[in-house]
Amino acid sequence: MDIFGDIFGGFMVMLFILGFFLVAIWFILPFVIFAMKGRVESAHQLLENIDKRLSAIEKELRTEDQSAK
């Protein structure tokens, strides 16, 4: 019966370690997600500005090309 106690005890230690890491990840993950959200929003805004500028340049080049013909 002693071998079953050793196996069960070792299994419980492994479950405790796994649970500890899962709890640590559970507490840290929301902060990581919210930090990434701000960066993604700023990158999205920057890309929208670049797209607007490129559209304006493309429009200007098209009008110059049509006036040259």
Protein backbone atom coordinates (compact mmCIF):
# COMPACT_ATOMS: atom_id res chain seq x y z
CA MET A 1 0.00 0.00 0.00
CA ASP A 2 3.00 2.26 0.48
CA ILE A 3 3.70 2.43 -3.27
CA PHE A 4 0.21 3.77 -3.95
CA GLY A 5 0.74 6.51 -1.36
CA ASP A 6 4.01 7.50 -2.99
CA ILE A 7 2.45 7.58 -6.47
CA PHE A 8 -0.56 9.54 -5.24
CA GLY A 9 1.66 11.95 -3.28
CA GLY A 10 3.89 12.58 -6.31
CA PHE A 11 0.85 13.06 -8.50
CA MET A 12 -0.56 15.61 -6.08
CA VAL A 13 2.74 17.52 -6.06
CA MET A 14 2.70 17.62 -9.87
CA LEU A 15 -0.92 18.81 -9.84
CA PHE A 16 -0.06 21.50 -7.29
CA ILE A 17 2.82 22.78 -9.44
CA LEU A 18 0.65 22.72 -12.56
CA GLY A 19 -2.15 24.53 -10.70
CA PHE A 20 0.29 27.15 -9.43
CA PHE A 21 1.47 27.93 -12.96
CA LEU A 22 -2.10 28.03 -14.27
CA VAL A 23 -3.11 30.47 -11.54
CA ALA A 24 -0.09 32.66 -12.27
CA ILE A 25 -0.96 32.70 -15.97
CA TRP A 26 -4.63 33.37 -15.12
CA PHE A 27 -3.67 36.50 -13.15
CA ILE A 28 -1.03 37.81 -15.59
CA LEU A 29 -2.85 37.21 -18.88
CA PRO A 30 -5.50 39.98 -18.57
CA PHE A 31 -2.79 42.60 -18.07
CA VAL A 32 -0.94 41.33 -21.13
CA ILE A 33 -4.10 41.41 -23.23
CA PHE A 34 -5.00 44.96 -22.17
CA ALA A 35 -1.42 46.13 -22.82
CA MET A 36 -1.55 44.61 -26.31
CA LYS A 37 -4.95 46.16 -26.96
CA GLY A 38 -3.56 49.68 -26.62
CA ARG A 39 -0.66 48.92 -28.91
CA VAL A 40 -2.93 47.36 -31.52
CA GLU A 41 -5.26 50.37 -31.43
CA SER A 42 -2.36 52.79 -31.90
CA ALA A 43 -0.97 50.70 -34.76
CA HIS A 44 -4.44 50.62 -36.34
CA GLN A 45 -4.71 54.40 -36.10
CA LEU A 46 -1.26 54.80 -37.63
CA LEU A 47 -2.17 52.49 -40.52
CA GLU A 48 -5.38 54.43 -41.15
CA ASN A 49 -3.39 57.67 -41.33
CA ILE A 50 -0.90 56.11 -43.74
CA ASP A 51 -3.75 54.81 -45.88
CA LYS A 52 -5.32 58.28 -46.05
CA ARG A 53 -2.01 59.84 -47.02
CA LEU A 54 -1.39 57.22 -49.70
CA SER A 55 -4.90 57.73 -51.07
CA ALA A 56 -4.26 61.48 -51.30
CA ILE A 57 -0.95 60.91 -53.08
CA GLU A 58 -2.55 58.43 -55.47
CA LYS A 59 -5.38 60.85 -56.22
CA GLU A 60 -2.89 63.66 -56.88
CA LEU A 61 -0.83 61.46 -59.18
CA ARG A 62 -3.92 60.42 -61.13
CA THR A 63 -4.97 64.04 -61.66
CA GLU A 64 -1.44 64.95 -62.81
CA ASP A 65 -1.39 61.96 -65.15
CA GLN A 66 -4.76 62.87 -66.66
CA SER A 67 -3.76 66.51 -67.12
CA ALA A 68 -0.53 65.47 -68.88
CA LYS A 69 -2.47 63.55 -71.55
